[in-house]
C-alpha atoms as a PDB file:
ATOM      1  CA  MET A   1      39.704 135.982  51.824  1.00  0.00           C
ATOM      2  CA  ILE A   2      41.948 134.293  54.383  1.00  0.00           C
ATOM      3  CA  GLU A   3      41.553 135.617  57.911  1.00  0.00           C
ATOM      4  CA  GLU A   4      44.541 137.402  59.461  1.00  0.00           C
ATOM      5  CA  GLY A   5      46.083 136.260  62.730  1.00  0.00           C
ATOM      6  CA  LYS A   6      49.209 136.675  64.856  1.00  0.00           C
ATOM      7  CA  TYR A   7      52.148 134.336  64.243  1.00  0.00           C
ATOM      8  CA  ILE A   8      54.091 133.620  67.456  1.00  0.00           C
ATOM      9  CA  TYR A   9      57.857 133.064  67.265  1.00  0.00           C
ATOM     10  CA  CYS A  10      59.029 133.003  70.851  1.00  0.00           C
ATOM     11  CA  ILE A  11      58.448 134.082  74.446  1.00  0.00           C
ATOM     12  CA  VAL A  12      60.721 136.689  76.060  1.00  0.00           C
ATOM     13  CA  GLY A  13      61.241 137.938  79.592  1.00  0.00           C
ATOM     14  CA  THR A  14      60.060 141.505  79.022  1.00  0.00           C
ATOM     15  CA  ASN A  15      56.880 143.397  78.196  1.00  0.00           C
ATOM     16  CA  GLU A  16      58.894 146.141  76.485  1.00  0.00           C
ATOM     17  CA  ALA A  17      57.384 147.237  73.187  1.00  0.00           C
ATOM     18  CA  ARG A  18      59.850 146.374  70.413  1.00  0.00           C
ATOM     19  CA  ASN A  19      59.880 146.561  66.647  1.00  0.00           C
ATOM     20  CA  PHE A  20      62.309 144.090  65.048  1.00  0.00           C
ATOM     21  CA  GLY A  21      61.580 145.200  61.507  1.00  0.00           C
ATOM     22  CA  PRO A  22      59.800 143.693  58.475  1.00  0.00           C
ATOM     23  CA  ILE A  23      61.257 140.208  58.861  1.00  0.00           C
ATOM     24  CA  GLY A  24      58.096 138.170  59.425  1.00  0.00           C
ATOM     25  CA  ILE A  25      57.521 134.744  57.928  1.00  0.00           C
ATOM     26  CA  GLY A  26      55.836 134.534  54.523  1.00  0.00           C
ATOM     27  CA  ASN A  27      57.831 137.126  52.539  1.00  0.00           C
ATOM     28  CA  ARG A  28      55.108 139.780  52.950  1.00  0.00           C
ATOM     29  CA  GLY A  29      57.280 142.231  54.851  1.00  0.00           C
ATOM     30  CA  ASP A  30      55.251 141.863  58.046  1.00  0.00           C
ATOM     31  CA  VAL A  31      56.744 143.734  60.987  1.00  0.00           C
ATOM     32  CA  VAL A  32      57.858 141.595  63.913  1.00  0.00           C
ATOM     33  CA  SER A  33      56.972 143.143  67.266  1.00  0.00           C
ATOM     34  CA  THR A  34      56.036 142.250  70.842  1.00  0.00           C
ATOM     35  CA  VAL A  35      52.855 141.953  72.845  1.00  0.00           C
ATOM     36  CA  GLY A  36      53.198 141.807  76.617  1.00  0.00           C
ATOM     37  CA  TYR A  37      51.573 140.622  79.816  1.00  0.00           C
ATOM     38  CA  GLN A  38      53.001 141.744  83.156  1.00  0.00           C
ATOM     39  CA  ASP A  39      56.777 141.286  82.778  1.00  0.00           C
ATOM     40  CA  ILE A  40      56.851 138.776  79.894  1.00  0.00           C
ATOM     41  CA  GLY A  41      56.017 139.022  76.217  1.00  0.00           C
ATOM     42  CA  ALA A  42      55.508 137.199  72.955  1.00  0.00           C
ATOM     43  CA  VAL A  43      57.253 138.052  69.693  1.00  0.00           C
ATOM     44  CA  ILE A  44      54.680 138.130  66.888  1.00  0.00           C
ATOM     45  CA  SER A  45      53.877 139.311  63.386  1.00  0.00           C
ATOM     46  CA  ASN A  46      50.733 139.523  61.302  1.00  0.00           C
ATOM     47  CA  SER A  47      50.104 136.354  59.319  1.00  0.00           C
ATOM     48  CA  PRO A  48      47.317 134.613  57.402  1.00  0.00           C
ATOM     49  CA  MET A  49      45.487 131.985  59.456  1.00  0.00           C
ATOM     50  CA  THR A  50      46.955 129.238  57.318  1.00  0.00           C
ATOM     51  CA  LYS A  51      49.103 126.140  57.666  1.00  0.00           C
ATOM     52  CA  TYR A  52      52.664 126.935  56.624  1.00  0.00           C
ATOM     53  CA  VAL A  53      54.435 124.210  54.669  1.00  0.00           C
ATOM     54  CA  ILE A  54      57.389 122.719  56.542  1.00  0.00           C
ATOM     55  CA  SER A  55      60.048 123.846  54.067  1.00  0.00           C
ATOM     56  CA  ARG A  56      63.620 125.046  54.405  1.00  0.00           C
ATOM     57  CA  GLU A  57      62.521 128.585  53.479  1.00  0.00           C
ATOM     58  CA  ASN A  58      59.753 128.759  56.083  1.00  0.00           C
ATOM     59  CA  MET A  59      61.738 127.063  58.844  1.00  0.00           C
ATOM     60  CA  THR A  60      64.673 129.389  58.199  1.00  0.00           C
ATOM     61  CA  ALA A  61      62.401 132.448  58.354  1.00  0.00           C
ATOM     62  CA  HIS A  62      60.946 131.240  61.666  1.00  0.00           C
ATOM     63  CA  GLU A  63      64.379 130.568  63.153  1.00  0.00           C
ATOM     64  CA  LYS A  64      65.955 133.793  61.879  1.00  0.00           C
ATOM     65  CA  VAL A  65      63.387 135.885  63.744  1.00  0.00           C
ATOM     66  CA  ILE A  66      64.178 134.036  66.976  1.00  0.00           C
ATOM     67  CA  GLU A  67      67.910 134.458  66.376  1.00  0.00           C
ATOM     68  CA  GLU A  68      67.408 138.205  65.883  1.00  0.00           C
ATOM     69  CA  VAL A  69      65.415 138.502  69.125  1.00  0.00           C
ATOM     70  CA  MET A  70      68.066 136.455  70.954  1.00  0.00           C
ATOM     71  CA  LYS A  71      70.603 139.246  70.393  1.00  0.00           C
ATOM     72  CA  ASP A  72      68.815 141.250  73.110  1.00  0.00           C
ATOM     73  CA  TYR A  73      66.711 138.789  75.118  1.00  0.00           C
ATOM     74  CA  THR A  74      66.513 135.302  76.581  1.00  0.00           C
ATOM     75  CA  VAL A  75      64.121 133.417  74.295  1.00  0.00           C
ATOM     76  CA  LEU A  76      61.794 130.434  74.560  1.00  0.00           C
ATOM     77  CA  PRO A  77      61.229 129.170  71.004  1.00  0.00           C
ATOM     78  CA  VAL A  78      57.604 128.449  70.108  1.00  0.00           C
ATOM     79  CA  ARG A  79      56.764 125.562  67.787  1.00  0.00           C
ATOM     80  CA  PHE A  80      56.762 126.379  64.081  1.00  0.00           C
ATOM     81  CA  CYS A  81      53.414 127.585  62.681  1.00  0.00           C
ATOM     82  CA  THR A  82      51.750 128.641  65.946  1.00  0.00           C
ATOM     83  CA  ILE A  83      49.182 131.283  65.012  1.00  0.00           C
ATOM     84  CA  ALA A  84      46.732 133.069  67.311  1.00  0.00           C
ATOM     85  CA  THR A  85      43.543 134.712  66.112  1.00  0.00           C
ATOM     86  CA  SER A  86      44.395 138.057  67.733  1.00  0.00           C
ATOM     87  CA  ALA A  87      46.766 139.925  70.038  1.00  0.00           C
ATOM     88  CA  GLU A  88      44.242 139.373  72.831  1.00  0.00           C
ATOM     89  CA  GLU A  89      44.499 135.620  72.354  1.00  0.00           C
ATOM     90  CA  VAL A  90      48.288 135.943  72.642  1.00  0.00           C
ATOM     91  CA  ARG A  91      47.913 137.897  75.912  1.00  0.00           C
ATOM     92  CA  SER A  92      45.538 135.234  77.176  1.00  0.00           C
ATOM     93  CA  LEU A  93      48.183 132.591  76.444  1.00  0.00           C
ATOM     94  CA  LEU A  94      50.783 134.598  78.385  1.00  0.00           C
ATOM     95  CA  ARG A  95      48.390 134.990  81.309  1.00  0.00           C
ATOM     96  CA  LYS A  96      47.384 131.320  81.486  1.00  0.00           C
ATOM     97  CA  ARG A  97      50.937 129.991  81.282  1.00  0.00           C
ATOM     98  CA  TYR A  98      52.669 132.847  83.065  1.00  0.00           C
ATOM     99  CA  LEU A  99      54.363 130.783  85.807  1.00  0.00           C
ATOM    100  CA  GLU A 100      55.498 128.109  83.326  1.00  0.00           C
ATOM    101  CA  PHE A 101      57.064 130.717  81.053  1.00  0.00           C
ATOM    102  CA  LYS A 102      58.692 132.579  83.954  1.00  0.00           C
ATOM    103  CA  ASN A 103      60.310 129.385  85.236  1.00  0.00           C
ATOM    104  CA  LEU A 104      61.542 128.402  81.783  1.00  0.00           C
ATOM    105  CA  LEU A 105      62.942 131.885  81.192  1.00  0.00           C
ATOM    106  CA  LYS A 106      64.831 131.585  84.463  1.00  0.00           C
ATOM    107  CA  ASP A 107      66.173 128.169  83.425  1.00  0.00           C
ATOM    108  CA  MET A 108      67.353 129.479  80.047  1.00  0.00           C
ATOM    109  CA  ASP A 109      68.716 132.820  81.282  1.00  0.00           C
ATOM    110  CA  ASN A 110      72.301 133.477  80.171  1.00  0.00           C
ATOM    111  CA  LYS A 111      72.450 130.163  78.291  1.00  0.00           C
ATOM    112  CA  VAL A 112      73.011 129.357  74.629  1.00  0.00           C
ATOM    113  CA  GLU A 113      72.845 126.293  72.436  1.00  0.00           C
ATOM    114  CA  LEU A 114      75.985 125.052  70.713  1.00  0.00           C
ATOM    115  CA  GLY A 115      75.760 122.433  67.984  1.00  0.00           C
ATOM    116  CA  VAL A 116      78.432 119.841  67.285  1.00  0.00           C
ATOM    117  CA  LYS A 117      78.531 117.341  64.436  1.00  0.00           C
ATOM    118  CA  VAL A 118      81.455 114.950  64.123  1.00  0.00           C
ATOM    119  CA  LEU A 119      82.189 112.924  60.991  1.00  0.00           C
ATOM    120  CA  TRP A 120      84.869 110.434  60.072  1.00  0.00           C
ATOM    121  CA  THR A 121      86.952 111.929  57.294  1.00  0.00           C
ATOM    122  CA  ASN A 122      87.752 108.625  55.524  1.00  0.00           C
ATOM    123  CA  ILE A 123      85.003 106.017  55.738  1.00  0.00           C
ATOM    124  CA  ASP A 124      86.991 103.534  53.618  1.00  0.00           C
ATOM    125  CA  ALA A 125      89.718 103.535  56.256  1.00  0.00           C
ATOM    126  CA  ILE A 126      87.098 102.894  58.946  1.00  0.00           C
ATOM    127  CA  PHE A 127      85.756  99.876  57.035  1.00  0.00           C
ATOM    128  CA  GLN A 128      89.308  98.555  56.719  1.00  0.00           C
ATOM    129  CA  GLU A 129      89.735  98.933  60.494  1.00  0.00           C
ATOM    130  CA  ILE A 130      86.545  96.961  61.057  1.00  0.00           C
ATOM    131  CA  VAL A 131      87.772  94.092  58.905  1.00  0.00           C
ATOM    132  CA  GLY A 132      91.080  94.105  60.774  1.00  0.00           C
ATOM    133  CA  GLU A 133      89.368  94.184  64.181  1.00  0.00           C
ATOM    134  CA  HIS A 134      86.854  91.406  63.472  1.00  0.00           C
ATOM    135  CA  GLY A 135      88.416  88.088  62.527  1.00  0.00           C
ATOM    136  CA  GLU A 136      85.129  86.520  61.449  1.00  0.00           C
ATOM    137  CA  ILE A 137      84.396  89.301  58.954  1.00  0.00           C
ATOM    138  CA  LYS A 138      87.925  88.994  57.572  1.00  0.00           C
ATOM    139  CA  ARG A 139      87.585  85.213  57.154  1.00  0.00           C
ATOM    140  CA  LEU A 140      84.219  85.506  55.450  1.00  0.00           C
ATOM    141  CA  LYS A 141      85.565  88.104  53.000  1.00  0.00           C
ATOM    142  CA  GLU A 142      88.577  85.955  52.192  1.00  0.00           C
ATOM    143  CA  LYS A 143      86.369  82.915  51.685  1.00  0.00           C
ATOM    144  CA  ILE A 144      84.319  84.550  48.925  1.00  0.00           C
ATOM    145  CA  ALA A 145      87.064  86.719  47.426  1.00  0.00           C
ATOM    146  CA  ASP A 146      87.512  84.629  44.255  1.00  0.00           C
ATOM    147  CA  LYS A 147      83.887  83.595  43.811  1.00  0.00           C
ATOM    148  CA  SER A 148      81.213  85.246  41.690  1.00  0.00           C
ATOM    149  CA  PRO A 149      78.648  87.541  43.365  1.00  0.00           C
ATOM    150  CA  GLU A 150      75.802  85.277  42.146  1.00  0.00           C
ATOM    151  CA  LYS A 151      77.154  82.280  44.059  1.00  0.00           C
ATOM    152  CA  THR A 152      77.975  84.213  47.241  1.00  0.00           C
ATOM    153  CA  TYR A 153      74.873  86.367  47.586  1.00  0.00           C
ATOM    154  CA  ALA A 154      73.868  84.967  50.990  1.00  0.00           C
ATOM    155  CA  GLN A 155      77.401  85.244  52.342  1.00  0.00           C
ATOM    156  CA  ARG A 156      77.679  88.848  51.152  1.00  0.00           C
ATOM    157  CA  ILE A 157      74.424  89.710  52.907  1.00  0.00           C
ATOM    158  CA  LYS A 158      75.789  88.125  56.078  1.00  0.00           C
ATOM    159  CA  ILE A 159      79.040  90.096  55.805  1.00  0.00           C
ATOM    160  CA  GLY A 160      77.103  93.304  55.200  1.00  0.00           C
ATOM    161  CA  GLU A 161      75.067  92.773  58.365  1.00  0.00           C
ATOM    162  CA  ARG A 162      78.182  92.054  60.433  1.00  0.00           C
ATOM    163  CA  VAL A 163      79.935  95.148  59.073  1.00  0.00           C
ATOM    164  CA  LYS A 164      76.863  97.311  59.758  1.00  0.00           C
ATOM    165  CA  ASN A 165      76.668  96.117  63.367  1.00  0.00           C
ATOM    166  CA  ALA A 166      80.394  96.642  63.851  1.00  0.00           C
ATOM    167  CA  LEU A 167      80.115 100.148  62.368  1.00  0.00           C
ATOM    168  CA  GLU A 168      77.324 101.083  64.779  1.00  0.00           C
ATOM    169  CA  THR A 169      79.342  99.779  67.722  1.00  0.00           C
ATOM    170  CA  LYS A 170      82.376 101.771  66.590  1.00  0.00           C
ATOM    171  CA  LYS A 171      80.271 104.921  66.159  1.00  0.00           C
ATOM    172  CA  GLU A 172      78.851 104.556  69.642  1.00  0.00           C
ATOM    173  CA  LYS A 173      82.263 103.993  71.239  1.00  0.00           C
ATOM    174  CA  GLU A 174      84.078 106.866  69.515  1.00  0.00           C
ATOM    175  CA  GLY A 175      81.089 109.181  69.809  1.00  0.00           C
ATOM    176  CA  ARG A 176      80.758 108.491  73.522  1.00  0.00           C
ATOM    177  CA  GLU A 177      84.438 109.327  74.081  1.00  0.00           C
ATOM    178  CA  ILE A 178      83.952 112.770  72.533  1.00  0.00           C
ATOM    179  CA  LEU A 179      80.589 113.397  74.205  1.00  0.00           C
ATOM    180  CA  ASP A 180      82.059 112.560  77.623  1.00  0.00           C
ATOM    181  CA  VAL A 181      84.553 115.391  77.181  1.00  0.00           C
ATOM    182  CA  LEU A 182      82.127 118.022  75.868  1.00  0.00           C
ATOM    183  CA  LYS A 183      79.264 117.385  78.271  1.00  0.00           C
ATOM    184  CA  LYS A 184      81.513 118.290  81.206  1.00  0.00           C
ATOM    185  CA  SER A 185      81.424 121.918  79.987  1.00  0.00           C
ATOM    186  CA  SER A 186      77.671 121.974  79.411  1.00  0.00           C
ATOM    187  CA  ILE A 187      74.541 122.078  81.545  1.00  0.00           C
ATOM    188  CA  ASP A 188      72.647 119.623  79.363  1.00  0.00           C
ATOM    189  CA  PHE A 189      72.877 118.001  75.946  1.00  0.00           C
ATOM    190  CA  ARG A 190      70.691 116.308  73.358  1.00  0.00           C
ATOM    191  CA  THR A 191      71.734 113.793  70.727  1.00  0.00           C
ATOM    192  CA  ASN A 192      69.974 113.893  67.371  1.00  0.00           C
ATOM    193  CA  GLN A 193      69.688 111.423  64.507  1.00  0.00           C
ATOM    194  CA  LEU A 194      72.898 110.465  62.756  1.00  0.00           C
ATOM    195  CA  VAL A 195      72.905 110.832  58.974  1.00  0.00           C
ATOM    196  CA  GLY A 196      75.019 108.532  56.825  1.00  0.00           C
ATOM    197  CA  ASP A 197      77.880 106.174  57.652  1.00  0.00           C
ATOM    198  CA  ARG A 198      80.401 108.927  58.429  1.00  0.00           C
ATOM    199  CA  MET A 199      78.536 110.844  61.139  1.00  0.00           C
ATOM    200  CA  ILE A 200      79.316 109.718  64.701  1.00  0.00           C
ATOM    201  CA  ILE A 201      77.891 112.671  66.659  1.00  0.00           C
ATOM    202  CA  ASN A 202      75.002 115.027  66.018  1.00  0.00           C
ATOM    203  CA  ALA A 203      74.435 116.814  69.299  1.00  0.00           C
ATOM    204  CA  ALA A 204      73.285 120.077  70.843  1.00  0.00           C
ATOM    205  CA  PHE A 205      74.694 121.390  74.107  1.00  0.00           C
ATOM    206  CA  LEU A 206      73.119 123.872  76.498  1.00  0.00           C
ATOM    207  CA  VAL A 207      75.984 126.019  77.747  1.00  0.00           C
ATOM    208  CA  ASP A 208      76.167 128.902  80.182  1.00  0.00           C
ATOM    209  CA  LYS A 209      77.594 131.951  78.416  1.00  0.00           C
ATOM    210  CA  GLY A 210      80.336 132.039  81.033  1.00  0.00           C
ATOM    211  CA  TRP A 211      81.439 128.544  79.962  1.00  0.00           C
ATOM    212  CA  GLU A 212      81.336 129.191  76.231  1.00  0.00           C
ATOM    213  CA  LYS A 213      85.073 129.869  75.897  1.00  0.00           C
ATOM    214  CA  GLU A 214      85.842 126.708  77.865  1.00  0.00           C
ATOM    215  CA  PHE A 215      83.591 124.720  75.540  1.00  0.00           C
ATOM    216  CA  ASP A 216      85.333 126.292  72.514  1.00  0.00           C
ATOM    217  CA  ASN A 217      88.688 125.214  73.921  1.00  0.00           C
ATOM    218  CA  LYS A 218      87.449 121.642  74.430  1.00  0.00           C
ATOM    219  CA  VAL A 219      86.391 121.460  70.773  1.00  0.00           C
ATOM    220  CA  ASP A 220      89.801 122.810  69.719  1.00  0.00           C
ATOM    221  CA  GLU A 221      91.592 120.247  71.909  1.00  0.00           C
ATOM    222  CA  LEU A 222      89.531 117.380  70.487  1.00  0.00           C
ATOM    223  CA  THR A 223      90.186 118.600  66.939  1.00  0.00           C
ATOM    224  CA  VAL A 224      93.927 118.375  67.612  1.00  0.00           C
ATOM    225  CA  LYS A 225      93.636 115.032  69.425  1.00  0.00           C
ATOM    226  CA  TYR A 226      91.740 113.316  66.623  1.00  0.00           C
ATOM    227  CA  ASP A 227      93.769 115.121  63.953  1.00  0.00           C
ATOM    228  CA  GLU A 228      92.633 113.976  60.498  1.00  0.00           C
ATOM    229  CA  ARG A 229      90.516 111.067  61.718  1.00  0.00           C
ATOM    230  CA  VAL A 230      87.384 113.157  62.213  1.00  0.00           C
ATOM    231  CA  LYS A 231      85.986 116.501  61.134  1.00  0.00           C
ATOM    232  CA  PHE A 232      84.154 118.766  63.597  1.00  0.00           C
ATOM    233  CA  LYS A 233      81.272 120.975  62.467  1.00  0.00           C
ATOM    234  CA  TYR A 234      80.696 123.443  65.300  1.00  0.00           C
ATOM    235  CA  VAL A 235      77.911 126.056  65.192  1.00  0.00           C
ATOM    236  CA  GLY A 236      76.454 128.591  67.599  1.00  0.00           C
ATOM    237  CA  PRO A 237      75.621 130.300  69.758  1.00  0.00           C
ATOM    238  CA  ALA A 238      71.986 129.718  68.852  1.00  0.00           C
ATOM    239  CA  PRO A 239      68.597 129.847  70.595  1.00  0.00           C
ATOM    240  CA  PRO A 240      67.835 126.717  72.670  1.00  0.00           C
ATOM    241  CA  PHE A 241      65.814 125.007  69.925  1.00  0.00           C
ATOM    242  CA  ASN A 242      66.709 121.519  71.179  1.00  0.00           C
ATOM    243  CA  PHE A 243      65.853 122.273  74.811  1.00  0.00           C
ATOM    244  CA  VAL A 244      62.672 124.374  74.607  1.00  0.00           C
ATOM    245  CA  ASN A 245      59.802 124.022  72.161  1.00  0.00           C
ATOM    246  CA  ILE A 246      56.667 125.736  73.409  1.00  0.00           C
ATOM    247  CA  VAL A 247      53.599 123.902  72.127  1.00  0.00           C
ATOM    248  CA  VAL A 248      50.264 125.729  72.123  1.00  0.00           C
ATOM    249  CA  LYS A 249      46.881 124.042  71.818  1.00  0.00           C
ATOM    250  CA  TRP A 250      44.186 126.638  71.325  1.00  0.00           C
ATOM    251  CA  ARG A 251      41.243 124.344  71.784  1.00  0.00           C
END
């Protein structure tokens, strides 16, 4: 039989006893509650001492608990699949890292994470712009236009490389222009991996709750400015997943 432990979701700035309901990871209906030390606490649920698979279902369950707790408290997200052997081991963690957690809670107090993804709406139009902006690419394409692919393989590879480099440069330039506007209304920001040719920004912003409306307005203004050229995907407020990730090493 697999030993039972305590799954840790996040750290909060209270030792108040709370019951968040049967929303624990693993679909067993485990109750999510708190265990405290002095004036801080950890949000936990019962869980098998097992390695959870990194899947959409499990990651979503982990994040949804933190999002629920965030409705009432400042949260410090703990890395996915952090499991203690007992409530006493959780209290020991809180005691040993008390000052670290207190300082981080102060840093994250009254702040939220806002996510922004920006994508070109028409990638074919962007490729046409690149050809028009780079004379060498245009000449190379014209040179092989009437020739068979078999005879122009090397040239096509060369064109592909030039277009790829030009696309990355264009992404960086246009992405930086938008980031420069949004970061002025944030305390900090993180850029994440871009996915596909169309995406030019994949970023998270740490924003004071008092600045949230200002940030919203900036996104609205940029949406109007860039009209149909780009599409904004704007999500939040969310826990500061990109700015805090508590890692616990038990041994």
